[in-house]
Amino acid sequence: MTIGMAAMRPLAVALIGLVLGLVGLVLAAEALAQAQPQGQQQGQGKQAREQPAVAPAQCARLPGGNAPVQRIARLSGQLSINSLRFTYFDKPLADLTSADFDEIEALTATCQGSAGEAIKEIRAFRSKVEEANAARGKTLNWIEKSRIEIGRMKGGAADLERLQELWVEMLSRTEEMLPTDRSPLARDIVLKQEAIYKATELPRQSPVWPPEPNTGQSNTDQPSR
């Protein structure tokens, strides 16, 4: 009997050790299972802190103007240069930059969804506005070159003829510029013509530009038709 109990003692010790080992594994697994969701929550919280929510005031900047975005986005042809006077994102369309449009697209995606019609519409709108601004940019380059040419004129009959030509070309390109674009060039032409007449004995010729109704003033600032 004593010998049998002595033989079973090592076996009992081994069983107890096995049971304790299993209990330890179970406890470790439970602790790991609890730690993983906490770590995920902490990670999500960190991401939320790194990507703060867009304030309602930012979303309110869309549209922030009077431009008919839907109509412009659905145009089959080009947007008229004169329409660049409309405003969007608190700016005239003529002043919107690529950075502005990038911000508009980001806000639209955040505030209205990145997979809906709103983002498609704003991208089509951007394309029309940028195309019109590019066309206006070419005209602005012509205006700048013409003003430089006028500034270099020394006076004479040939310069008067050239001033008349520039005026006619300016009027023919009215649809390619804003009224505010045209005004500086018109003023330069008129002032240079007057300066030439005062400095020479050349006979005055009737200007090619029509006078304002009932005023006799030159039509330098009349909006395009």
Protein backbone atom coordinates (compact mmCIF):
# COMPACT_ATOMS: atom_id res chain seq x y z
CA MET A 1 0.00 0.00 0.00
CA THR A 2 2.78 2.37 0.92
CA ILE A 3 4.71 1.38 -2.16
CA GLY A 4 1.62 2.00 -4.40
CA MET A 5 1.00 5.43 -2.96
CA ALA A 6 4.62 6.34 -3.40
CA ALA A 7 4.44 5.32 -7.05
CA MET A 8 1.32 7.44 -7.68
CA ARG A 9 2.74 10.61 -6.10
CA PRO A 10 4.89 11.63 -9.14
CA LEU A 11 1.90 11.00 -11.40
CA ALA A 12 -0.32 13.26 -9.26
CA VAL A 13 2.30 16.00 -9.31
CA ALA A 14 2.50 15.75 -13.10
CA LEU A 15 -1.29 15.97 -13.47
CA ILE A 16 -1.46 19.01 -11.20
CA GLY A 17 1.26 20.70 -13.26
CA LEU A 18 -0.60 19.92 -16.48
CA VAL A 19 -3.84 21.36 -15.11
CA LEU A 20 -2.09 24.54 -13.92
CA GLY A 21 -0.47 24.93 -17.34
CA LEU A 22 -3.82 24.65 -19.11
CA VAL A 23 -5.34 27.22 -16.75
CA GLY A 24 -2.47 29.59 -17.48
CA LEU A 25 -2.98 29.24 -21.25
CA VAL A 26 -6.72 29.95 -20.92
CA LEU A 27 -6.08 33.08 -18.85
CA ALA A 28 -3.45 34.31 -21.31
CA ALA A 29 -5.83 33.81 -24.25
CA GLU A 30 -8.59 35.77 -22.49
CA ALA A 31 -6.20 38.62 -21.69
CA LEU A 32 -5.07 38.77 -25.33
CA ALA A 33 -8.65 38.78 -26.58
CA GLN A 34 -9.45 41.73 -24.33
CA ALA A 35 -6.32 43.64 -25.29
CA GLN A 36 -6.92 43.48 -29.08
CA PRO A 37 -10.24 45.42 -29.16
CA GLN A 38 -8.75 48.03 -26.85
CA GLY A 39 -5.79 48.43 -29.17
CA GLN A 40 -8.12 48.74 -32.17
CA GLN A 41 -10.18 51.36 -30.39
CA GLN A 42 -7.05 53.29 -29.48
CA GLY A 43 -5.87 53.13 -33.09
CA GLN A 44 -9.24 54.32 -34.37
CA GLY A 45 -9.21 57.12 -31.83
CA LYS A 46 -5.76 58.16 -32.99
CA GLN A 47 -6.89 58.19 -36.62
CA ALA A 48 -9.90 60.28 -35.69
CA ARG A 49 -7.61 62.77 -33.97
CA GLU A 50 -5.31 62.86 -36.97
CA GLN A 51 -8.27 63.42 -39.36
CA PRO A 52 -10.53 65.96 -37.66
CA ALA A 53 -14.10 66.23 -38.88
CA VAL A 54 -14.89 69.01 -41.33
CA ALA A 55 -16.62 71.86 -39.56
CA PRO A 56 -20.17 72.73 -40.73
CA ALA A 57 -18.90 76.20 -41.62
CA GLN A 58 -16.55 74.63 -44.19
CA CYS A 59 -19.38 72.67 -45.80
CA ALA A 60 -21.40 75.88 -45.88
CA ARG A 61 -18.82 77.32 -48.28
CA LEU A 62 -20.43 75.12 -50.93
CA PRO A 63 -21.61 76.79 -53.09
CA GLY A 64 -20.87 80.19 -51.56
CA GLY A 65 -21.81 82.16 -54.66
CA ASN A 66 -24.33 82.74 -57.44
CA ALA A 67 -22.86 80.55 -60.18
CA PRO A 68 -25.40 78.09 -61.68
CA VAL A 69 -23.16 75.08 -61.15
CA GLN A 70 -25.55 72.45 -62.53
CA ARG A 71 -26.23 74.39 -65.72
CA ILE A 72 -22.54 75.09 -66.29
CA ALA A 73 -21.59 71.45 -65.64
CA ARG A 74 -24.14 70.25 -68.20
CA LEU A 75 -23.15 72.66 -70.98
CA SER A 76 -22.57 70.92 -74.28
CA GLY A 77 -20.31 73.72 -75.50
CA GLN A 78 -17.87 76.15 -73.93
CA LEU A 79 -18.69 78.45 -71.05
CA SER A 80 -18.83 82.09 -72.16
CA ILE A 81 -16.07 84.34 -70.87
CA ASN A 82 -18.68 86.78 -69.61
CA SER A 83 -20.00 84.05 -67.28
CA LEU A 84 -16.70 84.14 -65.39
CA ARG A 85 -18.18 87.08 -63.48
CA PHE A 86 -20.37 84.63 -61.56
CA THR A 87 -19.09 83.69 -58.12
CA TYR A 88 -18.44 80.36 -56.41
CA PHE A 89 -16.54 79.52 -53.24
CA ASP A 90 -16.69 83.24 -52.39
CA LYS A 91 -14.71 84.18 -55.53
CA PRO A 92 -15.43 85.21 -59.12
CA LEU A 93 -15.02 82.20 -61.39
CA ALA A 94 -12.25 84.12 -63.15
CA ASP A 95 -10.20 84.08 -59.94
CA LEU A 96 -10.56 80.40 -59.02
CA THR A 97 -7.22 78.58 -59.03
CA SER A 98 -6.32 74.90 -59.28
CA ALA A 99 -5.75 74.90 -55.50
CA ASP A 100 -9.25 76.32 -55.01
CA PHE A 101 -10.79 73.60 -57.14
CA ASP A 102 -8.81 70.91 -55.31
CA GLU A 103 -10.22 72.20 -52.03
CA ILE A 104 -13.73 72.39 -53.50
CA GLU A 105 -13.51 68.76 -54.65
CA ALA A 106 -12.22 67.63 -51.23
CA LEU A 107 -15.02 69.44 -49.41
CA THR A 108 -17.62 68.11 -51.82
CA ALA A 109 -16.40 64.55 -51.28
CA THR A 110 -16.44 64.99 -47.49
CA CYS A 111 -19.69 66.90 -47.16
CA GLN A 112 -21.74 65.31 -49.95
CA GLY A 113 -20.05 61.99 -50.63
CA SER A 114 -17.28 60.96 -53.00
CA ALA A 115 -19.30 58.44 -55.01
CA GLY A 116 -22.44 60.45 -55.79
CA GLU A 117 -23.49 62.84 -58.52
CA ALA A 118 -22.24 65.87 -56.59
CA ILE A 119 -18.55 65.08 -57.11
CA LYS A 120 -19.11 64.29 -60.81
CA GLU A 121 -20.96 67.56 -61.23
CA ILE A 122 -18.29 69.63 -59.53
CA ARG A 123 -15.58 68.05 -61.70
CA ALA A 124 -17.53 68.85 -64.87
CA PHE A 125 -18.05 72.38 -63.56
CA ARG A 126 -14.33 72.70 -62.93
CA SER A 127 -13.52 71.59 -66.46
CA LYS A 128 -15.83 74.22 -68.01
CA VAL A 129 -14.51 77.04 -65.84
CA GLU A 130 -10.85 76.16 -66.40
CA GLU A 131 -11.43 75.95 -70.16
CA ALA A 132 -13.02 79.43 -70.18
CA ASN A 133 -10.22 80.85 -68.04
CA ALA A 134 -7.62 79.40 -70.41
CA ALA A 135 -9.32 81.09 -73.38
CA ARG A 136 -9.48 84.39 -71.48
CA GLY A 137 -5.79 84.02 -70.61
CA LYS A 138 -4.87 84.07 -74.31
CA THR A 139 -6.82 87.29 -74.77
CA LEU A 140 -5.15 88.84 -71.72
CA ASN A 141 -1.79 88.08 -73.30
CA TRP A 142 -2.88 89.89 -76.47
CA ILE A 143 -4.09 92.87 -74.44
CA GLU A 144 -0.77 93.07 -72.59
CA LYS A 145 1.23 92.95 -75.84
CA SER A 146 -1.03 95.62 -77.38
CA ARG A 147 -0.55 97.94 -74.40
CA ILE A 148 3.22 97.52 -74.64
CA GLU A 149 3.03 98.34 -78.36
CA ILE A 150 1.02 101.50 -77.63
CA GLY A 151 3.51 102.58 -74.99
CA ARG A 152 6.34 102.38 -77.55
CA MET A 153 4.56 104.50 -80.18
CA LYS A 154 6.38 107.75 -81.01
CA GLY A 155 3.46 109.51 -82.75
CA GLY A 156 2.50 110.00 -86.36
CA ALA A 157 -0.06 109.07 -88.98
CA ALA A 158 1.01 105.41 -88.98
CA ASP A 159 0.49 105.16 -85.24
CA LEU A 160 -2.98 106.70 -85.53
CA GLU A 161 -3.89 104.08 -88.10
CA ARG A 162 -2.52 101.35 -85.88
CA LEU A 163 -4.57 102.64 -82.94
CA GLN A 164 -7.69 102.43 -85.07
CA GLU A 165 -6.79 98.84 -86.00
CA LEU A 166 -6.27 97.88 -82.36
CA TRP A 167 -9.62 99.37 -81.43
CA VAL A 168 -11.42 97.43 -84.15
CA GLU A 169 -9.71 94.21 -83.10
CA MET A 170 -10.57 94.88 -79.45
CA LEU A 171 -14.25 95.24 -80.32
CA SER A 172 -14.18 92.09 -82.44
CA ARG A 173 -12.77 90.15 -79.47
CA THR A 174 -15.28 91.47 -76.95
CA GLU A 175 -16.66 88.00 -76.25
CA GLU A 176 -13.16 86.77 -75.38
CA MET A 177 -12.67 89.12 -72.42
CA LEU A 178 -14.41 90.67 -69.44
CA PRO A 179 -15.39 94.36 -69.52
CA THR A 180 -12.76 95.01 -66.87
CA ASP A 181 -10.15 93.40 -69.14
CA ARG A 182 -11.04 95.71 -72.02
CA SER A 183 -11.10 99.01 -70.12
CA PRO A 184 -7.31 99.50 -69.66
CA LEU A 185 -6.63 98.85 -73.35
CA ALA A 186 -9.45 101.15 -74.45
CA ARG A 187 -8.12 103.89 -72.19
CA ASP A 188 -4.58 103.50 -73.54
CA ILE A 189 -5.80 103.78 -77.14
CA VAL A 190 -7.84 106.91 -76.46
CA LEU A 191 -5.10 108.64 -74.45
CA LYS A 192 -2.41 107.83 -77.00
CA GLN A 193 -4.58 109.15 -79.83
CA GLU A 194 -5.18 112.41 -77.96
CA ALA A 195 -1.48 112.74 -77.19
CA ILE A 196 -0.57 112.34 -80.87
CA TYR A 197 -3.11 114.92 -81.98
CA LYS A 198 -1.82 117.43 -79.43
CA ALA A 199 1.81 116.90 -80.41
CA THR A 200 1.31 117.08 -84.18
CA GLU A 201 -0.63 119.06 -86.75
CA LEU A 202 -2.35 115.99 -88.11
CA PRO A 203 -6.04 116.53 -88.87
CA ARG A 204 -8.41 114.78 -86.51
CA GLN A 205 -10.28 111.80 -87.88
CA SER A 206 -13.60 110.46 -86.71
CA PRO A 207 -12.98 107.57 -84.29
CA VAL A 208 -14.12 104.13 -85.24
CA TRP A 209 -15.75 103.59 -81.86
CA PRO A 210 -19.37 104.69 -81.39
CA PRO A 211 -20.11 107.41 -78.82
CA GLU A 212 -22.23 106.81 -75.75
CA PRO A 213 -25.88 107.74 -76.41
CA ASN A 214 -26.58 111.44 -75.74
CA THR A 215 -23.20 112.05 -74.11
CA GLY A 216 -20.60 112.28 -76.83
CA GLN A 217 -18.28 110.21 -74.61
CA SER A 218 -16.21 107.45 -76.14
CA ASN A 219 -17.54 103.98 -75.47
CA THR A 220 -14.59 102.68 -73.47
CA ASP A 221 -16.32 100.90 -70.60
CA GLN A 222 -19.57 99.60 -72.05
CA PRO A 223 -20.20 95.92 -71.17
CA SER A 224 -20.00 93.40 -73.95
CA ARG A 225 -23.18 92.44 -75.73
